[in-house]
Amino acid sequence: SGRRLDFIYPLGLVVAVGLVPYTGYRGGQLSLGENHLTEFMPGGLRSWLGISAQENNPSTSSNGGPGTFYGARVQPLFTGHCISCHGQDKHKSNLRLVTYDALMRGSKHGAVVKPGDAKGSELFRRITLPPNHDDFMPKDGKRPLSTDEVKVIELWISAGASGTQPVDAVRGAPTNAAPTPVAADVSFEELDVAAVEKRRAPLAPAVAQLQKRFPGVLEYESRGSVDLVLNVSLMGARFGDEDLAALKPIIEQIVIADFSGTALTDRSAGSIAAMKRLRVLRLMRTKITDATLQALGGLDHLESLNVFGTAVTPAALGVVVRLPKLRHL
């Protein structure tokens, strides 16, 4: 019995040690893609190991090139509608729609395309379900395929789902099912610099002066905003009541204020109360008391307030809990 245990323990240890790199490799495949170990491997080492560059490059798949119907008409549809969930790195249900070969490997549930049988193909079934169906693809509010795009996929599958057929081989395919760019739904609002400067003009001199006096603590909330963000927590005890009073010219434009760890006292209650558009206020580890909180009843836009580490008592919270937009205290 003792000899058997002496044999089983080292055997189990060897198996466990062997499983560690294997499970790590499989985990890397799931999270980073099948080629995560070789993707950035130097060319010399790749050649020595007998790994071709083609294996690492989805665009050079042996099938589905740009001169084929799949490469020119079908793959662009997957790229435009499906690749965010079924790409090389992120691949739900282990389905990758980045190349013909990957598509035909299917998902963890099996094949998604049955050549010659569109109606029996899981991929076609899902893109033709009602949009409110749990299995409908694409999910999460992404733009569904158009009628013509669905028809292209249907005709391609019915014609044999080939990766090598010439681009004009599938008859009757709609010609207006144009490839959808990956970023077709992404747009950026153009910033009108002149308009922003005009809106900031009344405040600009005061803001510039205060930024010079307090470097790195006062900024605009965004590129096109006139609202201000104040963070003096890094100044610590060097920032006090007199310093806050100096911000009076721009006080009503401050929407986020962090006074954590500063030397503020109840003498600043009036200045804080004047920040009528304040959404976030942090007063942690300051010298304020209930008197400051009782002055904040007019901050109707305040959403978040933190008074941790102060002398504030529960008796003063009744004023702020009645603020209409307060969500975090």
C-alpha atoms as a PDB file:
ATOM      1  CA  SER A   1       0.000   0.000   0.000  1.00  0.00           C
ATOM      2  CA  GLY A   2       2.789   2.388   0.952  1.00  0.00           C
ATOM      3  CA  ARG A   3       4.699   1.587  -2.236  1.00  0.00           C
ATOM      4  CA  ARG A   4       1.585   2.241  -4.305  1.00  0.00           C
ATOM      5  CA  LEU A   5       1.148   5.668  -2.710  1.00  0.00           C
ATOM      6  CA  ASP A   6       4.831   6.392  -3.276  1.00  0.00           C
ATOM      7  CA  PHE A   7       4.237   5.719  -6.987  1.00  0.00           C
ATOM      8  CA  ILE A   8       0.917   7.590  -7.333  1.00  0.00           C
ATOM      9  CA  TYR A   9       2.141  10.857  -5.793  1.00  0.00           C
ATOM     10  CA  PRO A  10       5.012  11.555  -8.229  1.00  0.00           C
ATOM     11  CA  LEU A  11       2.815  10.435 -11.140  1.00  0.00           C
ATOM     12  CA  GLY A  12       0.073  12.853 -10.088  1.00  0.00           C
ATOM     13  CA  LEU A  13       2.644  15.606  -9.640  1.00  0.00           C
ATOM     14  CA  VAL A  14       4.014  15.072 -13.160  1.00  0.00           C
ATOM     15  CA  VAL A  15       0.485  15.143 -14.626  1.00  0.00           C
ATOM     16  CA  ALA A  16      -0.405  18.316 -12.706  1.00  0.00           C
ATOM     17  CA  VAL A  17       2.781  20.071 -13.799  1.00  0.00           C
ATOM     18  CA  GLY A  18       2.130  19.033 -17.390  1.00  0.00           C
ATOM     19  CA  LEU A  19      -1.417  20.400 -17.288  1.00  0.00           C
ATOM     20  CA  VAL A  20      -0.287  23.866 -16.174  1.00  0.00           C
ATOM     21  CA  PRO A  21       1.281  24.949 -19.505  1.00  0.00           C
ATOM     22  CA  TYR A  22      -1.443  23.186 -21.497  1.00  0.00           C
ATOM     23  CA  THR A  23      -4.318  24.919 -19.699  1.00  0.00           C
ATOM     24  CA  GLY A  24      -2.435  28.218 -19.898  1.00  0.00           C
ATOM     25  CA  TYR A  25      -2.030  27.766 -23.651  1.00  0.00           C
ATOM     26  CA  ARG A  26      -5.715  26.908 -24.114  1.00  0.00           C
ATOM     27  CA  GLY A  27      -6.710  29.910 -22.031  1.00  0.00           C
ATOM     28  CA  GLY A  28      -4.536  32.096 -24.220  1.00  0.00           C
ATOM     29  CA  GLN A  29      -6.276  30.742 -27.307  1.00  0.00           C
ATOM     30  CA  LEU A  30      -9.673  31.656 -25.900  1.00  0.00           C
ATOM     31  CA  SER A  31      -8.741  35.163 -24.802  1.00  0.00           C
ATOM     32  CA  LEU A  32      -6.038  36.176 -27.317  1.00  0.00           C
ATOM     33  CA  GLY A  33      -6.659  34.024 -30.370  1.00  0.00           C
ATOM     34  CA  GLU A  34      -5.287  30.769 -31.749  1.00  0.00           C
ATOM     35  CA  ASN A  35      -1.992  32.285 -32.884  1.00  0.00           C
ATOM     36  CA  HIS A  36      -1.181  34.182 -29.692  1.00  0.00           C
ATOM     37  CA  LEU A  37       2.159  32.386 -29.253  1.00  0.00           C
ATOM     38  CA  THR A  38       3.352  32.909 -32.823  1.00  0.00           C
ATOM     39  CA  GLU A  39       1.713  36.194 -33.827  1.00  0.00           C
ATOM     40  CA  PHE A  40       4.738  38.329 -32.951  1.00  0.00           C
ATOM     41  CA  MET A  41       7.395  35.624 -33.247  1.00  0.00           C
ATOM     42  CA  PRO A  42      10.587  36.732 -35.087  1.00  0.00           C
ATOM     43  CA  GLY A  43      10.745  35.518 -38.680  1.00  0.00           C
ATOM     44  CA  GLY A  44      13.941  33.535 -38.128  1.00  0.00           C
ATOM     45  CA  LEU A  45      12.507  31.577 -35.217  1.00  0.00           C
ATOM     46  CA  ARG A  46       9.270  31.000 -37.121  1.00  0.00           C
ATOM     47  CA  SER A  47      11.209  29.544 -40.053  1.00  0.00           C
ATOM     48  CA  TRP A  48      13.316  27.353 -37.744  1.00  0.00           C
ATOM     49  CA  LEU A  49      10.142  25.940 -36.201  1.00  0.00           C
ATOM     50  CA  GLY A  50       8.560  25.416 -39.603  1.00  0.00           C
ATOM     51  CA  ILE A  51       5.737  27.916 -39.063  1.00  0.00           C
ATOM     52  CA  SER A  52       4.751  29.765 -42.212  1.00  0.00           C
ATOM     53  CA  ALA A  53       3.856  33.437 -42.141  1.00  0.00           C
ATOM     54  CA  GLN A  54       0.577  32.551 -43.835  1.00  0.00           C
ATOM     55  CA  GLU A  55      -0.616  30.690 -40.751  1.00  0.00           C
ATOM     56  CA  ASN A  56      -0.422  33.928 -38.797  1.00  0.00           C
ATOM     57  CA  ASN A  57      -2.168  36.114 -41.346  1.00  0.00           C
ATOM     58  CA  PRO A  58      -5.925  35.656 -41.763  1.00  0.00           C
ATOM     59  CA  SER A  59      -5.900  37.783 -44.898  1.00  0.00           C
ATOM     60  CA  THR A  60      -3.706  35.249 -46.728  1.00  0.00           C
ATOM     61  CA  SER A  61      -6.010  32.269 -46.202  1.00  0.00           C
ATOM     62  CA  SER A  62      -5.766  29.634 -48.943  1.00  0.00           C
ATOM     63  CA  ASN A  63      -9.423  30.274 -49.755  1.00  0.00           C
ATOM     64  CA  GLY A  64     -11.614  33.357 -49.879  1.00  0.00           C
ATOM     65  CA  GLY A  65      -9.184  35.722 -51.587  1.00  0.00           C
ATOM     66  CA  PRO A  66     -10.289  39.082 -53.011  1.00  0.00           C
ATOM     67  CA  GLY A  67     -10.790  37.565 -56.474  1.00  0.00           C
ATOM     68  CA  THR A  68     -13.418  35.121 -55.212  1.00  0.00           C
ATOM     69  CA  PHE A  69     -17.120  35.650 -54.609  1.00  0.00           C
ATOM     70  CA  TYR A  70     -16.605  34.912 -50.929  1.00  0.00           C
ATOM     71  CA  GLY A  71     -13.715  37.344 -50.564  1.00  0.00           C
ATOM     72  CA  ALA A  72     -15.354  40.152 -52.530  1.00  0.00           C
ATOM     73  CA  ARG A  73     -19.012  39.811 -51.528  1.00  0.00           C
ATOM     74  CA  VAL A  74     -19.437  37.674 -48.387  1.00  0.00           C
ATOM     75  CA  GLN A  75     -16.464  38.329 -46.103  1.00  0.00           C
ATOM     76  CA  PRO A  76     -16.992  42.130 -46.175  1.00  0.00           C
ATOM     77  CA  LEU A  77     -20.496  41.569 -44.774  1.00  0.00           C
ATOM     78  CA  PHE A  78     -19.104  39.590 -41.836  1.00  0.00           C
ATOM     79  CA  THR A  79     -16.410  42.214 -41.326  1.00  0.00           C
ATOM     80  CA  GLY A  80     -18.967  45.001 -41.203  1.00  0.00           C
ATOM     81  CA  HIS A  81     -21.597  43.335 -39.037  1.00  0.00           C
ATOM     82  CA  CYS A  82     -20.100  40.448 -37.071  1.00  0.00           C
ATOM     83  CA  ILE A  83     -16.390  40.835 -36.418  1.00  0.00           C
ATOM     84  CA  SER A  84     -16.734  42.762 -33.145  1.00  0.00           C
ATOM     85  CA  CYS A  85     -18.109  39.584 -31.522  1.00  0.00           C
ATOM     86  CA  HIS A  86     -16.626  36.920 -33.815  1.00  0.00           C
ATOM     87  CA  GLY A  87     -13.177  38.259 -34.666  1.00  0.00           C
ATOM     88  CA  GLN A  88      -9.666  36.929 -34.269  1.00  0.00           C
ATOM     89  CA  ASP A  89      -9.296  38.036 -30.654  1.00  0.00           C
ATOM     90  CA  LYS A  90     -12.872  38.112 -29.356  1.00  0.00           C
ATOM     91  CA  HIS A  91     -14.851  35.116 -30.583  1.00  0.00           C
ATOM     92  CA  LYS A  92     -18.138  34.255 -28.887  1.00  0.00           C
ATOM     93  CA  SER A  93     -18.971  30.532 -28.957  1.00  0.00           C
ATOM     94  CA  ASN A  94     -15.496  30.085 -30.472  1.00  0.00           C
ATOM     95  CA  LEU A  95     -16.836  31.248 -33.851  1.00  0.00           C
ATOM     96  CA  ARG A  96     -14.480  33.388 -35.918  1.00  0.00           C
ATOM     97  CA  LEU A  97     -15.754  35.087 -39.051  1.00  0.00           C
ATOM     98  CA  VAL A  98     -12.396  36.505 -40.138  1.00  0.00           C
ATOM     99  CA  THR A  99     -11.592  34.067 -42.973  1.00  0.00           C
ATOM    100  CA  TYR A 100     -13.311  31.424 -45.055  1.00  0.00           C
ATOM    101  CA  ASP A 101     -11.386  28.649 -43.305  1.00  0.00           C
ATOM    102  CA  ALA A 102     -12.371  29.942 -39.861  1.00  0.00           C
ATOM    103  CA  LEU A 103     -16.025  30.210 -40.880  1.00  0.00           C
ATOM    104  CA  MET A 104     -16.134  26.656 -42.166  1.00  0.00           C
ATOM    105  CA  ARG A 105     -14.590  25.347 -38.934  1.00  0.00           C
ATOM    106  CA  GLY A 106     -17.780  26.512 -37.248  1.00  0.00           C
ATOM    107  CA  SER A 107     -18.342  27.190 -33.565  1.00  0.00           C
ATOM    108  CA  LYS A 108     -18.082  25.131 -30.417  1.00  0.00           C
ATOM    109  CA  HIS A 109     -21.580  23.857 -31.229  1.00  0.00           C
ATOM    110  CA  GLY A 110     -20.615  22.606 -34.689  1.00  0.00           C
ATOM    111  CA  ALA A 111     -20.831  23.752 -38.296  1.00  0.00           C
ATOM    112  CA  VAL A 112     -22.708  26.990 -38.980  1.00  0.00           C
ATOM    113  CA  VAL A 113     -22.759  26.633 -42.776  1.00  0.00           C
ATOM    114  CA  LYS A 114     -24.065  23.619 -44.729  1.00  0.00           C
ATOM    115  CA  PRO A 115     -22.877  23.992 -48.325  1.00  0.00           C
ATOM    116  CA  GLY A 116     -25.832  23.818 -50.693  1.00  0.00           C
ATOM    117  CA  ASP A 117     -28.410  24.144 -47.904  1.00  0.00           C
ATOM    118  CA  ALA A 118     -28.978  27.746 -46.840  1.00  0.00           C
ATOM    119  CA  LYS A 119     -32.179  27.036 -44.903  1.00  0.00           C
ATOM    120  CA  GLY A 120     -30.412  24.295 -42.942  1.00  0.00           C
ATOM    121  CA  SER A 121     -27.423  26.480 -42.068  1.00  0.00           C
ATOM    122  CA  GLU A 122     -27.337  27.834 -38.521  1.00  0.00           C
ATOM    123  CA  LEU A 123     -25.707  31.073 -39.633  1.00  0.00           C
ATOM    124  CA  PHE A 124     -28.481  31.797 -42.156  1.00  0.00           C
ATOM    125  CA  ARG A 125     -31.167  30.863 -39.627  1.00  0.00           C
ATOM    126  CA  ARG A 126     -29.867  33.369 -37.119  1.00  0.00           C
ATOM    127  CA  ILE A 127     -29.573  36.315 -39.491  1.00  0.00           C
ATOM    128  CA  THR A 128     -33.161  35.762 -40.719  1.00  0.00           C
ATOM    129  CA  LEU A 129     -34.898  35.419 -37.335  1.00  0.00           C
ATOM    130  CA  PRO A 130     -37.134  38.246 -36.058  1.00  0.00           C
ATOM    131  CA  PRO A 131     -34.894  40.940 -34.503  1.00  0.00           C
ATOM    132  CA  ASN A 132     -36.491  40.425 -31.072  1.00  0.00           C
ATOM    133  CA  HIS A 133     -35.646  36.701 -31.034  1.00  0.00           C
ATOM    134  CA  ASP A 134     -32.998  35.592 -28.517  1.00  0.00           C
ATOM    135  CA  ASP A 135     -30.967  33.871 -31.263  1.00  0.00           C
ATOM    136  CA  PHE A 136     -31.081  36.729 -33.770  1.00  0.00           C
ATOM    137  CA  MET A 137     -27.733  37.932 -35.051  1.00  0.00           C
ATOM    138  CA  PRO A 138     -26.144  40.427 -34.841  1.00  0.00           C
ATOM    139  CA  LYS A 139     -27.046  41.104 -31.209  1.00  0.00           C
ATOM    140  CA  ASP A 140     -26.822  44.024 -28.791  1.00  0.00           C
ATOM    141  CA  GLY A 141     -28.428  46.639 -31.008  1.00  0.00           C
ATOM    142  CA  LYS A 142     -25.881  46.268 -33.808  1.00  0.00           C
ATOM    143  CA  ARG A 143     -27.154  47.103 -37.283  1.00  0.00           C
ATOM    144  CA  PRO A 144     -28.706  43.991 -38.882  1.00  0.00           C
ATOM    145  CA  LEU A 145     -27.927  42.860 -42.398  1.00  0.00           C
ATOM    146  CA  SER A 146     -30.100  44.362 -45.113  1.00  0.00           C
ATOM    147  CA  THR A 147     -32.407  42.234 -47.270  1.00  0.00           C
ATOM    148  CA  ASP A 148     -29.894  42.330 -50.131  1.00  0.00           C
ATOM    149  CA  GLU A 149     -27.009  41.377 -47.841  1.00  0.00           C
ATOM    150  CA  VAL A 150     -28.961  38.398 -46.494  1.00  0.00           C
ATOM    151  CA  LYS A 151     -29.739  37.380 -50.092  1.00  0.00           C
ATOM    152  CA  VAL A 152     -26.039  37.417 -50.996  1.00  0.00           C
ATOM    153  CA  ILE A 153     -25.265  35.011 -48.150  1.00  0.00           C
ATOM    154  CA  GLU A 154     -28.249  32.792 -49.013  1.00  0.00           C
ATOM    155  CA  LEU A 155     -27.274  32.484 -52.680  1.00  0.00           C
ATOM    156  CA  TRP A 156     -23.627  31.862 -51.797  1.00  0.00           C
ATOM    157  CA  ILE A 157     -24.507  29.007 -49.419  1.00  0.00           C
ATOM    158  CA  SER A 158     -27.021  27.549 -51.895  1.00  0.00           C
ATOM    159  CA  ALA A 159     -24.352  27.625 -54.612  1.00  0.00           C
ATOM    160  CA  GLY A 160     -22.071  25.456 -52.491  1.00  0.00           C
ATOM    161  CA  ALA A 161     -20.486  27.929 -50.058  1.00  0.00           C
ATOM    162  CA  SER A 162     -17.218  27.807 -51.959  1.00  0.00           C
ATOM    163  CA  GLY A 163     -14.157  29.789 -51.042  1.00  0.00           C
ATOM    164  CA  THR A 164     -12.696  29.623 -54.541  1.00  0.00           C
ATOM    165  CA  GLN A 165     -15.592  30.444 -56.881  1.00  0.00           C
ATOM    166  CA  PRO A 166     -14.893  33.482 -59.093  1.00  0.00           C
ATOM    167  CA  VAL A 167     -16.465  36.749 -58.085  1.00  0.00           C
ATOM    168  CA  ASP A 168     -19.120  36.490 -60.822  1.00  0.00           C
ATOM    169  CA  ALA A 169     -19.953  32.815 -60.276  1.00  0.00           C
ATOM    170  CA  VAL A 170     -23.088  33.228 -58.133  1.00  0.00           C
ATOM    171  CA  ARG A 171     -25.948  34.292 -60.364  1.00  0.00           C
ATOM    172  CA  GLY A 172     -28.699  36.609 -59.194  1.00  0.00           C
ATOM    173  CA  ALA A 173     -26.702  38.084 -56.301  1.00  0.00           C
ATOM    174  CA  PRO A 174     -27.858  41.668 -55.614  1.00  0.00           C
ATOM    175  CA  THR A 175     -25.300  44.147 -56.843  1.00  0.00           C
ATOM    176  CA  ASN A 176     -26.300  46.866 -54.364  1.00  0.00           C
ATOM    177  CA  ALA A 177     -25.323  44.842 -51.292  1.00  0.00           C
ATOM    178  CA  ALA A 178     -22.180  46.910 -50.914  1.00  0.00           C
ATOM    179  CA  PRO A 179     -19.490  45.859 -48.442  1.00  0.00           C
ATOM    180  CA  THR A 180     -20.076  47.513 -45.087  1.00  0.00           C
ATOM    181  CA  PRO A 181     -17.025  49.292 -43.629  1.00  0.00           C
ATOM    182  CA  VAL A 182     -16.049  48.176 -40.136  1.00  0.00           C
ATOM    183  CA  ALA A 183     -16.561  51.680 -38.801  1.00  0.00           C
ATOM    184  CA  ALA A 184     -19.687  52.490 -40.798  1.00  0.00           C
ATOM    185  CA  ASP A 185     -21.665  53.293 -37.649  1.00  0.00           C
ATOM    186  CA  VAL A 186     -18.962  55.428 -36.059  1.00  0.00           C
ATOM    187  CA  SER A 187     -19.026  59.169 -36.496  1.00  0.00           C
ATOM    188  CA  PHE A 188     -17.340  62.045 -34.738  1.00  0.00           C
ATOM    189  CA  GLU A 189     -18.840  65.454 -34.252  1.00  0.00           C
ATOM    190  CA  GLU A 190     -16.686  68.139 -35.799  1.00  0.00           C
ATOM    191  CA  LEU A 191     -15.554  70.668 -33.226  1.00  0.00           C
ATOM    192  CA  ASP A 192     -16.317  74.296 -34.042  1.00  0.00           C
ATOM    193  CA  VAL A 193     -13.250  75.871 -32.451  1.00  0.00           C
ATOM    194  CA  ALA A 194     -14.405  79.420 -33.108  1.00  0.00           C
ATOM    195  CA  ALA A 195     -17.771  78.791 -31.454  1.00  0.00           C
ATOM    196  CA  VAL A 196     -16.109  77.225 -28.400  1.00  0.00           C
ATOM    197  CA  GLU A 197     -13.721  80.150 -28.020  1.00  0.00           C
ATOM    198  CA  LYS A 198     -16.625  82.577 -28.286  1.00  0.00           C
ATOM    199  CA  ARG A 199     -18.523  80.800 -25.501  1.00  0.00           C
ATOM    200  CA  ARG A 200     -15.433  80.717 -23.293  1.00  0.00           C
ATOM    201  CA  ALA A 201     -14.461  84.331 -23.964  1.00  0.00           C
ATOM    202  CA  PRO A 202     -16.126  85.867 -20.855  1.00  0.00           C
ATOM    203  CA  LEU A 203     -14.273  83.413 -18.596  1.00  0.00           C
ATOM    204  CA  ALA A 204     -11.031  82.940 -20.497  1.00  0.00           C
ATOM    205  CA  PRO A 205      -8.941  85.686 -18.818  1.00  0.00           C
ATOM    206  CA  ALA A 206      -9.918  84.591 -15.301  1.00  0.00           C
ATOM    207  CA  VAL A 207      -9.372  80.914 -16.128  1.00  0.00           C
ATOM    208  CA  ALA A 208      -5.933  81.638 -17.582  1.00  0.00           C
ATOM    209  CA  GLN A 209      -4.940  83.672 -14.525  1.00  0.00           C
ATOM    210  CA  LEU A 210      -6.109  80.991 -12.093  1.00  0.00           C
ATOM    211  CA  GLN A 211      -4.421  78.219 -14.092  1.00  0.00           C
ATOM    212  CA  LYS A 212      -1.182  80.154 -13.755  1.00  0.00           C
ATOM    213  CA  ARG A 213      -1.673  80.579 -10.002  1.00  0.00           C
ATOM    214  CA  PHE A 214      -2.781  76.960  -9.450  1.00  0.00           C
ATOM    215  CA  PRO A 215      -1.006  74.891 -12.153  1.00  0.00           C
ATOM    216  CA  GLY A 216      -2.607  71.611 -13.141  1.00  0.00           C
ATOM    217  CA  VAL A 217      -5.729  71.834 -10.967  1.00  0.00           C
ATOM    218  CA  LEU A 218      -8.238  73.696 -13.152  1.00  0.00           C
ATOM    219  CA  GLU A 219      -9.320  72.412 -16.568  1.00  0.00           C
ATOM    220  CA  TYR A 220     -12.293  72.523 -18.907  1.00  0.00           C
ATOM    221  CA  GLU A 221     -14.459  69.422 -18.664  1.00  0.00           C
ATOM    222  CA  SER A 222     -14.081  68.660 -22.384  1.00  0.00           C
ATOM    223  CA  ARG A 223     -12.725  70.183 -25.599  1.00  0.00           C
ATOM    224  CA  GLY A 224     -16.017  71.868 -26.413  1.00  0.00           C
ATOM    225  CA  SER A 225     -17.257  72.652 -22.922  1.00  0.00           C
ATOM    226  CA  VAL A 226     -17.308  75.846 -20.872  1.00  0.00           C
ATOM    227  CA  ASP A 227     -17.762  73.850 -17.664  1.00  0.00           C
ATOM    228  CA  LEU A 228     -14.773  73.521 -15.353  1.00  0.00           C
ATOM    229  CA  VAL A 229     -13.243  70.720 -13.301  1.00  0.00           C
ATOM    230  CA  LEU A 230     -11.311  71.640 -10.147  1.00  0.00           C
ATOM    231  CA  ASN A 231      -9.016  69.138  -8.429  1.00  0.00           C
ATOM    232  CA  VAL A 232      -6.879  70.624  -5.657  1.00  0.00           C
ATOM    233  CA  SER A 233      -6.471  67.381  -3.713  1.00  0.00           C
ATOM    234  CA  LEU A 234      -2.798  67.140  -4.751  1.00  0.00           C
ATOM    235  CA  MET A 235      -2.106  70.511  -3.127  1.00  0.00           C
ATOM    236  CA  GLY A 236      -3.205  69.164   0.235  1.00  0.00           C
ATOM    237  CA  ALA A 237      -2.955  71.592   3.163  1.00  0.00           C
ATOM    238  CA  ARG A 238      -1.433  74.244   0.872  1.00  0.00           C
ATOM    239  CA  PHE A 239      -4.941  74.994  -0.413  1.00  0.00           C
ATOM    240  CA  GLY A 240      -7.195  76.776   2.056  1.00  0.00           C
ATOM    241  CA  ASP A 241     -10.198  79.060   2.412  1.00  0.00           C
ATOM    242  CA  GLU A 242      -8.434  82.123   0.986  1.00  0.00           C
ATOM    243  CA  ASP A 243      -7.433  80.178  -2.123  1.00  0.00           C
ATOM    244  CA  LEU A 244     -10.996  79.034  -2.748  1.00  0.00           C
ATOM    245  CA  ALA A 245     -12.209  82.608  -2.394  1.00  0.00           C
ATOM    246  CA  ALA A 246      -9.873  83.543  -5.261  1.00  0.00           C
ATOM    247  CA  LEU A 247     -11.931  81.313  -7.571  1.00  0.00           C
ATOM    248  CA  LYS A 248     -14.996  83.554  -7.252  1.00  0.00           C
ATOM    249  CA  PRO A 249     -14.881  84.819 -10.897  1.00  0.00           C
ATOM    250  CA  ILE A 250     -15.406  81.290 -12.263  1.00  0.00           C
ATOM    251  CA  ILE A 251     -17.159  79.663  -9.297  1.00  0.00           C
ATOM    252  CA  GLU A 252     -20.487  79.085 -11.065  1.00  0.00           C
ATOM    253  CA  GLN A 253     -18.843  77.192 -13.947  1.00  0.00           C
ATOM    254  CA  ILE A 254     -17.324  74.497 -11.719  1.00  0.00           C
ATOM    255  CA  VAL A 255     -19.189  71.195 -12.136  1.00  0.00           C
ATOM    256  CA  ILE A 256     -16.704  68.826 -10.456  1.00  0.00           C
ATOM    257  CA  ALA A 257     -14.697  69.822  -7.371  1.00  0.00           C
ATOM    258  CA  ASP A 258     -12.260  67.699  -5.371  1.00  0.00           C
ATOM    259  CA  PHE A 259     -11.042  69.315  -2.127  1.00  0.00           C
ATOM    260  CA  SER A 260      -9.866  66.069  -0.504  1.00  0.00           C
ATOM    261  CA  GLY A 261      -7.136  66.539   2.091  1.00  0.00           C
ATOM    262  CA  THR A 262      -7.073  70.335   1.825  1.00  0.00           C
ATOM    263  CA  ALA A 263      -7.249  72.880   4.654  1.00  0.00           C
ATOM    264  CA  LEU A 264     -10.811  74.001   3.898  1.00  0.00           C
ATOM    265  CA  THR A 265     -12.995  74.903   6.888  1.00  0.00           C
ATOM    266  CA  ASP A 266     -16.573  76.054   7.355  1.00  0.00           C
ATOM    267  CA  ARG A 267     -15.428  79.518   6.226  1.00  0.00           C
ATOM    268  CA  SER A 268     -15.656  78.155   2.663  1.00  0.00           C
ATOM    269  CA  ALA A 269     -19.284  77.056   2.996  1.00  0.00           C
ATOM    270  CA  GLY A 270     -20.537  80.103   1.093  1.00  0.00           C
ATOM    271  CA  SER A 271     -18.084  79.608  -1.772  1.00  0.00           C
ATOM    272  CA  ILE A 272     -19.045  75.960  -2.147  1.00  0.00           C
ATOM    273  CA  ALA A 273     -22.747  76.813  -1.991  1.00  0.00           C
ATOM    274  CA  ALA A 274     -22.201  79.278  -4.855  1.00  0.00           C
ATOM    275  CA  MET A 275     -21.228  76.420  -7.185  1.00  0.00           C
ATOM    276  CA  LYS A 276     -24.816  76.110  -8.386  1.00  0.00           C
ATOM    277  CA  ARG A 277     -24.020  73.702 -11.236  1.00  0.00           C
ATOM    278  CA  LEU A 278     -21.869  71.355  -9.161  1.00  0.00           C
ATOM    279  CA  ARG A 279     -22.423  67.647  -9.890  1.00  0.00           C
ATOM    280  CA  VAL A 280     -19.585  66.025  -7.921  1.00  0.00           C
ATOM    281  CA  LEU A 281     -18.177  67.316  -4.607  1.00  0.00           C
ATOM    282  CA  ARG A 282     -15.415  65.625  -2.624  1.00  0.00           C
ATOM    283  CA  LEU A 283     -14.613  66.999   0.833  1.00  0.00           C
ATOM    284  CA  MET A 284     -12.860  63.994   2.364  1.00  0.00           C
ATOM    285  CA  ARG A 285     -10.412  64.666   5.199  1.00  0.00           C
ATOM    286  CA  THR A 286     -11.100  68.413   5.318  1.00  0.00           C
ATOM    287  CA  LYS A 287     -11.891  70.493   8.418  1.00  0.00           C
ATOM    288  CA  ILE A 288     -15.538  71.120   7.596  1.00  0.00           C
ATOM    289  CA  THR A 289     -18.390  70.400  10.017  1.00  0.00           C
ATOM    290  CA  ASP A 290     -22.176  70.218   9.885  1.00  0.00           C
ATOM    291  CA  ALA A 291     -22.284  73.958   9.153  1.00  0.00           C
ATOM    292  CA  THR A 292     -20.925  73.454   5.631  1.00  0.00           C
ATOM    293  CA  LEU A 293     -23.403  70.715   4.747  1.00  0.00           C
ATOM    294  CA  GLN A 294     -26.304  72.791   6.002  1.00  0.00           C
ATOM    295  CA  ALA A 295     -25.317  75.473   3.473  1.00  0.00           C
ATOM    296  CA  LEU A 296     -25.543  73.117   0.494  1.00  0.00           C
ATOM    297  CA  GLY A 297     -29.319  72.874   0.244  1.00  0.00           C
ATOM    298  CA  GLY A 298     -29.353  74.855  -3.015  1.00  0.00           C
ATOM    299  CA  LEU A 299     -27.092  72.535  -5.027  1.00  0.00           C
ATOM    300  CA  ASP A 300     -29.893  71.042  -7.115  1.00  0.00           C
ATOM    301  CA  HIS A 301     -27.508  69.446  -9.642  1.00  0.00           C
ATOM    302  CA  LEU A 302     -25.347  67.635  -7.078  1.00  0.00           C
ATOM    303  CA  GLU A 303     -25.165  63.900  -7.821  1.00  0.00           C
ATOM    304  CA  SER A 304     -22.260  62.740  -5.649  1.00  0.00           C
ATOM    305  CA  LEU A 305     -21.006  63.955  -2.248  1.00  0.00           C
ATOM    306  CA  ASN A 306     -18.190  62.508  -0.140  1.00  0.00           C
ATOM    307  CA  VAL A 307     -17.476  63.799   3.393  1.00  0.00           C
ATOM    308  CA  PHE A 308     -15.518  60.800   4.679  1.00  0.00           C
ATOM    309  CA  GLY A 309     -12.990  61.637   7.383  1.00  0.00           C
ATOM    310  CA  THR A 310     -14.597  64.947   8.396  1.00  0.00           C
ATOM    311  CA  ALA A 311     -16.373  66.118  11.547  1.00  0.00           C
ATOM    312  CA  VAL A 312     -19.762  65.960   9.813  1.00  0.00           C
ATOM    313  CA  THR A 313     -22.412  64.172  11.888  1.00  0.00           C
ATOM    314  CA  PRO A 314     -25.592  62.357  10.792  1.00  0.00           C
ATOM    315  CA  ALA A 315     -27.594  65.316  12.076  1.00  0.00           C
ATOM    316  CA  ALA A 316     -26.505  67.399   9.060  1.00  0.00           C
ATOM    317  CA  LEU A 317     -27.301  64.800   6.423  1.00  0.00           C
ATOM    318  CA  GLY A 318     -30.986  65.659   6.394  1.00  0.00           C
ATOM    319  CA  VAL A 319     -30.260  68.736   4.277  1.00  0.00           C
ATOM    320  CA  VAL A 320     -28.342  66.986   1.504  1.00  0.00           C
ATOM    321  CA  VAL A 321     -30.424  63.809   1.262  1.00  0.00           C
ATOM    322  CA  ARG A 322     -33.281  65.974   0.015  1.00  0.00           C
ATOM    323  CA  LEU A 323     -31.258  67.198  -2.964  1.00  0.00           C
ATOM    324  CA  PRO A 324     -33.178  66.071  -6.083  1.00  0.00           C
ATOM    325  CA  LYS A 325     -30.289  64.515  -8.044  1.00  0.00           C
ATOM    326  CA  LEU A 326     -28.101  63.151  -5.248  1.00  0.00           C
ATOM    327  CA  ARG A 327     -27.278  59.480  -5.889  1.00  0.00           C
ATOM    328  CA  HIS A 328     -24.057  58.864  -3.969  1.00  0.00           C
ATOM    329  CA  LEU A 329     -23.321  59.994  -0.419  1.00  0.00           C
END
